[in-house]
């Protein structure tokens, strides 16, 4: 019968579970690029105050609302894509 497991044993034995990051698919890269591009557009709008927030007058502008909608759509697509990949794997 084997003796108790020591911390040295845990460090020298190979791990039984191996977690690795899979390579992103071209579709994943395309969606991530859309999210990044939409985020860069949102960063161009001015921010003010101690908390660096977008002013209400800017948030109500048509340009900001279109940029925010594009970012939200891209991010939602990325979340759905990631969820589908996790369910598949």
N, C-alpha and C. Protein backbone atom coordinates (compact mmCIF):
# COMPACT_ATOMS: atom_id res chain seq x y z
N UNK A 1 0.85 -1.17 0.00
CA UNK A 1 0.00 0.00 0.00
C UNK A 1 0.89 1.23 0.00
N UNK A 2 0.56 2.16 -0.83
CA UNK A 2 1.37 3.37 -0.97
C UNK A 2 1.13 4.29 0.21
N UNK A 3 2.15 5.05 0.54
CA UNK A 3 2.06 6.01 1.63
C UNK A 3 1.27 7.24 1.23
N UNK A 4 1.14 8.16 2.15
CA UNK A 4 0.37 9.37 1.85
C UNK A 4 1.07 10.22 0.79
N UNK A 5 0.29 10.93 0.08
CA UNK A 5 0.80 11.80 -0.97
C UNK A 5 1.42 13.04 -0.33
N UNK A 6 2.59 13.39 -0.76
CA UNK A 6 3.25 14.58 -0.22
C UNK A 6 3.22 15.69 -1.26
N UNK A 7 3.55 16.89 -0.80
CA UNK A 7 3.56 18.01 -1.74
C UNK A 7 4.61 17.80 -2.82
N UNK A 8 5.71 17.10 -2.47
CA UNK A 8 6.74 16.82 -3.47
C UNK A 8 6.18 15.93 -4.58
N UNK A 9 5.35 14.96 -4.22
CA UNK A 9 4.75 14.08 -5.21
C UNK A 9 3.87 14.87 -6.17
N UNK A 10 3.12 15.81 -5.64
CA UNK A 10 2.24 16.61 -6.49
C UNK A 10 3.04 17.45 -7.47
N UNK A 11 4.21 17.87 -7.09
CA UNK A 11 5.02 18.70 -7.96
C UNK A 11 5.76 17.90 -9.03
N UNK A 12 6.08 16.66 -8.73
CA UNK A 12 6.87 15.86 -9.67
C UNK A 12 6.03 14.97 -10.57
N UNK A 13 4.80 14.67 -10.18
CA UNK A 13 3.95 13.82 -11.01
C UNK A 13 3.36 14.65 -12.15
N UNK A 14 3.18 14.05 -13.32
CA UNK A 14 2.52 14.79 -14.39
C UNK A 14 1.05 14.98 -14.07
N UNK A 15 0.53 16.08 -14.48
CA UNK A 15 -0.88 16.38 -14.23
C UNK A 15 -1.76 15.43 -15.04
N UNK A 16 -2.87 15.04 -14.47
CA UNK A 16 -3.77 14.13 -15.17
C UNK A 16 -4.68 14.91 -16.12
N UNK A 17 -4.97 16.13 -15.81
CA UNK A 17 -5.82 16.96 -16.67
C UNK A 17 -4.94 18.01 -17.33
N UNK A 18 -5.10 18.17 -18.59
CA UNK A 18 -4.34 19.19 -19.31
C UNK A 18 -5.33 20.14 -19.98
N UNK A 19 -5.21 21.38 -19.62
CA UNK A 19 -6.08 22.40 -20.20
C UNK A 19 -5.25 23.23 -21.16
N UNK A 20 -5.70 23.33 -22.34
CA UNK A 20 -4.98 24.12 -23.34
C UNK A 20 -5.93 25.04 -24.06
N UNK A 21 -5.38 26.07 -24.60
CA UNK A 21 -6.20 27.01 -25.35
C UNK A 21 -6.21 26.55 -26.80
N UNK A 22 -7.40 26.40 -27.34
CA UNK A 22 -7.48 26.01 -28.74
C UNK A 22 -7.20 27.23 -29.61
N UNK A 23 -6.80 26.97 -30.81
CA UNK A 23 -6.52 28.06 -31.74
C UNK A 23 -7.82 28.70 -32.19
N UNK A 24 -7.86 30.03 -32.25
CA UNK A 24 -9.09 30.69 -32.68
C UNK A 24 -9.38 30.41 -34.15
N UNK A 25 -10.64 30.25 -34.46
CA UNK A 25 -11.05 30.01 -35.83
C UNK A 25 -11.07 31.34 -36.58
N UNK A 26 -11.08 31.31 -37.90
CA UNK A 26 -11.18 32.57 -38.65
C UNK A 26 -12.46 33.34 -38.31
N UNK A 27 -13.53 32.60 -38.03
CA UNK A 27 -14.78 33.26 -37.65
C UNK A 27 -14.62 33.99 -36.32
N UNK A 28 -13.95 33.37 -35.36
CA UNK A 28 -13.70 34.01 -34.07
C UNK A 28 -12.87 35.27 -34.25
N UNK A 29 -11.83 35.18 -35.06
CA UNK A 29 -10.98 36.34 -35.29
C UNK A 29 -11.75 37.48 -35.95
N UNK A 30 -12.65 37.15 -36.87
CA UNK A 30 -13.44 38.18 -37.54
C UNK A 30 -14.39 38.87 -36.57
N UNK A 31 -15.03 38.09 -35.70
CA UNK A 31 -15.96 38.68 -34.73
C UNK A 31 -15.19 39.53 -33.73
N UNK A 32 -14.04 39.04 -33.27
CA UNK A 32 -13.23 39.83 -32.33
C UNK A 32 -12.74 41.12 -32.97
N UNK A 33 -12.44 41.08 -34.26
CA UNK A 33 -12.02 42.30 -34.96
C UNK A 33 -13.17 43.30 -35.03
N UNK A 34 -14.40 42.80 -35.24
CA UNK A 34 -15.56 43.70 -35.25
C UNK A 34 -15.75 44.36 -33.89
N UNK A 35 -15.59 43.60 -32.82
CA UNK A 35 -15.75 44.15 -31.47
C UNK A 35 -14.67 45.21 -31.22
N UNK A 36 -13.46 44.91 -31.61
CA UNK A 36 -12.36 45.85 -31.38
C UNK A 36 -12.57 47.14 -32.18
N UNK A 37 -12.98 47.00 -33.44
CA UNK A 37 -13.20 48.19 -34.28
C UNK A 37 -14.34 49.04 -33.73
N UNK A 38 -15.41 48.40 -33.31
CA UNK A 38 -16.54 49.16 -32.75
C UNK A 38 -16.14 49.82 -31.44
N UNK A 39 -15.32 49.16 -30.65
CA UNK A 39 -14.84 49.76 -29.40
C UNK A 39 -13.94 50.96 -29.64
N UNK A 40 -13.13 50.90 -30.69
CA UNK A 40 -12.27 52.03 -31.03
C UNK A 40 -13.10 53.24 -31.42
N UNK A 41 -14.21 53.01 -32.12
CA UNK A 41 -15.10 54.12 -32.49
C UNK A 41 -15.69 54.75 -31.24
N UNK A 42 -16.11 53.93 -30.28
CA UNK A 42 -16.68 54.47 -29.04
C UNK A 42 -15.65 55.28 -28.25
N UNK A 43 -14.38 54.90 -28.34
CA UNK A 43 -13.34 55.62 -27.60
C UNK A 43 -13.10 57.03 -28.14
N UNK A 44 -13.57 57.30 -29.35
CA UNK A 44 -13.36 58.63 -29.93
C UNK A 44 -14.28 59.68 -29.34
N UNK A 45 -15.34 59.27 -28.67
CA UNK A 45 -16.27 60.23 -28.08
C UNK A 45 -15.69 60.80 -26.80
N UNK A 46 -15.97 62.08 -26.53
CA UNK A 46 -15.37 62.72 -25.34
C UNK A 46 -15.88 62.15 -24.04
N UNK A 47 -15.02 62.17 -23.05
CA UNK A 47 -15.36 61.73 -21.69
C UNK A 47 -14.97 62.86 -20.74
N UNK A 48 -15.81 63.08 -19.72
CA UNK A 48 -15.56 64.18 -18.79
C UNK A 48 -15.84 63.74 -17.36
N UNK A 49 -15.50 64.63 -16.45
CA UNK A 49 -15.82 64.41 -15.04
C UNK A 49 -14.81 63.55 -14.33
N UNK A 50 -15.01 63.41 -13.03
CA UNK A 50 -14.06 62.65 -12.22
C UNK A 50 -14.06 61.15 -12.52
N UNK A 51 -15.16 60.66 -13.07
CA UNK A 51 -15.26 59.23 -13.37
C UNK A 51 -15.04 58.92 -14.84
N UNK A 52 -14.69 59.95 -15.62
CA UNK A 52 -14.39 59.78 -17.04
C UNK A 52 -15.55 59.15 -17.81
N UNK A 53 -16.75 59.71 -17.59
CA UNK A 53 -17.95 59.20 -18.24
C UNK A 53 -18.29 60.01 -19.48
N UNK A 54 -19.01 59.40 -20.40
CA UNK A 54 -19.47 60.10 -21.59
C UNK A 54 -20.62 61.02 -21.17
N UNK A 55 -20.55 62.32 -21.52
CA UNK A 55 -21.62 63.24 -21.13
C UNK A 55 -22.97 62.84 -21.72
N UNK A 56 -24.01 63.22 -21.04
CA UNK A 56 -25.36 62.86 -21.47
C UNK A 56 -25.69 63.43 -22.84
N UNK A 57 -25.22 64.65 -23.11
CA UNK A 57 -25.50 65.25 -24.43
C UNK A 57 -24.89 64.42 -25.55
N UNK A 58 -23.72 63.84 -25.32
CA UNK A 58 -23.08 62.99 -26.33
C UNK A 58 -23.82 61.66 -26.44
N UNK A 59 -24.20 61.09 -25.30
CA UNK A 59 -24.89 59.79 -25.31
C UNK A 59 -26.22 59.86 -26.05
N UNK A 60 -26.84 61.02 -26.08
CA UNK A 60 -28.14 61.16 -26.75
C UNK A 60 -27.99 61.50 -28.23
N UNK A 61 -26.78 61.72 -28.70
CA UNK A 61 -26.58 62.05 -30.12
C UNK A 61 -26.78 60.80 -30.98
N UNK A 62 -27.19 61.02 -32.21
CA UNK A 62 -27.44 59.91 -33.14
C UNK A 62 -26.15 59.15 -33.44
N UNK A 63 -25.04 59.89 -33.58
CA UNK A 63 -23.77 59.25 -33.90
C UNK A 63 -23.35 58.27 -32.80
N UNK A 64 -23.47 58.72 -31.55
CA UNK A 64 -23.07 57.86 -30.43
C UNK A 64 -23.99 56.64 -30.33
N UNK A 65 -25.29 56.87 -30.49
CA UNK A 65 -26.23 55.75 -30.38
C UNK A 65 -25.97 54.71 -31.47
N UNK A 66 -25.62 55.16 -32.67
CA UNK A 66 -25.31 54.19 -33.75
C UNK A 66 -24.02 53.43 -33.44
N UNK A 67 -23.01 54.14 -32.93
CA UNK A 67 -21.75 53.47 -32.58
C UNK A 67 -21.96 52.49 -31.43
N UNK A 68 -22.75 52.88 -30.45
CA UNK A 68 -23.01 52.01 -29.30
C UNK A 68 -23.82 50.78 -29.74
N UNK A 69 -24.78 50.97 -30.63
CA UNK A 69 -25.56 49.84 -31.13
C UNK A 69 -24.68 48.87 -31.91
N UNK A 70 -23.74 49.40 -32.70
CA UNK A 70 -22.82 48.54 -33.45
C UNK A 70 -21.93 47.75 -32.50
N UNK A 71 -21.44 48.40 -31.45
CA UNK A 71 -20.61 47.70 -30.47
C UNK A 71 -21.41 46.62 -29.74
N UNK A 72 -22.62 46.97 -29.31
CA UNK A 72 -23.45 46.00 -28.60
C UNK A 72 -23.77 44.79 -29.48
N UNK A 73 -24.05 45.02 -30.76
CA UNK A 73 -24.36 43.92 -31.68
C UNK A 73 -23.13 43.02 -31.87
N UNK A 74 -21.97 43.64 -32.02
CA UNK A 74 -20.74 42.85 -32.19
C UNK A 74 -20.43 42.05 -30.94
N UNK A 75 -20.59 42.66 -29.77
CA UNK A 75 -20.31 41.97 -28.53
C UNK A 75 -21.29 40.83 -28.29
N UNK A 76 -22.55 41.05 -28.63
CA UNK A 76 -23.55 40.00 -28.49
C UNK A 76 -23.23 38.83 -29.42
N UNK A 77 -22.77 39.14 -30.63
CA UNK A 77 -22.38 38.07 -31.56
C UNK A 77 -21.20 37.28 -31.01
N UNK A 78 -20.24 37.98 -30.40
CA UNK A 78 -19.09 37.29 -29.82
C UNK A 78 -19.51 36.39 -28.67
N UNK A 79 -20.39 36.88 -27.80
CA UNK A 79 -20.89 36.05 -26.69
C UNK A 79 -21.60 34.81 -27.20
N UNK A 80 -22.45 34.97 -28.22
CA UNK A 80 -23.18 33.83 -28.76
C UNK A 80 -22.21 32.84 -29.42
N UNK A 81 -21.23 33.36 -30.12
CA UNK A 81 -20.24 32.49 -30.77
C UNK A 81 -19.45 31.70 -29.73
N UNK A 82 -19.01 32.37 -28.66
CA UNK A 82 -18.25 31.69 -27.60
C UNK A 82 -19.11 30.64 -26.90
N UNK A 83 -20.37 30.96 -26.66
CA UNK A 83 -21.27 30.00 -26.01
C UNK A 83 -21.46 28.76 -26.89
N UNK A 84 -21.59 28.98 -28.20
CA UNK A 84 -21.76 27.85 -29.11
C UNK A 84 -20.50 27.00 -29.15
N UNK A 85 -19.34 27.63 -29.13
CA UNK A 85 -18.09 26.85 -29.13
C UNK A 85 -17.93 26.04 -27.85
N UNK A 86 -18.31 26.63 -26.72
CA UNK A 86 -18.22 25.89 -25.46
C UNK A 86 -19.17 24.72 -25.43
N UNK A 87 -20.37 24.92 -25.95
CA UNK A 87 -21.35 23.84 -25.97
C UNK A 87 -20.91 22.72 -26.90
N UNK A 88 -20.24 23.08 -27.98
CA UNK A 88 -19.80 22.10 -28.98
C UNK A 88 -18.60 21.31 -28.46
N UNK A 89 -17.70 21.98 -27.76
CA UNK A 89 -16.48 21.31 -27.27
C UNK A 89 -16.81 20.52 -26.07
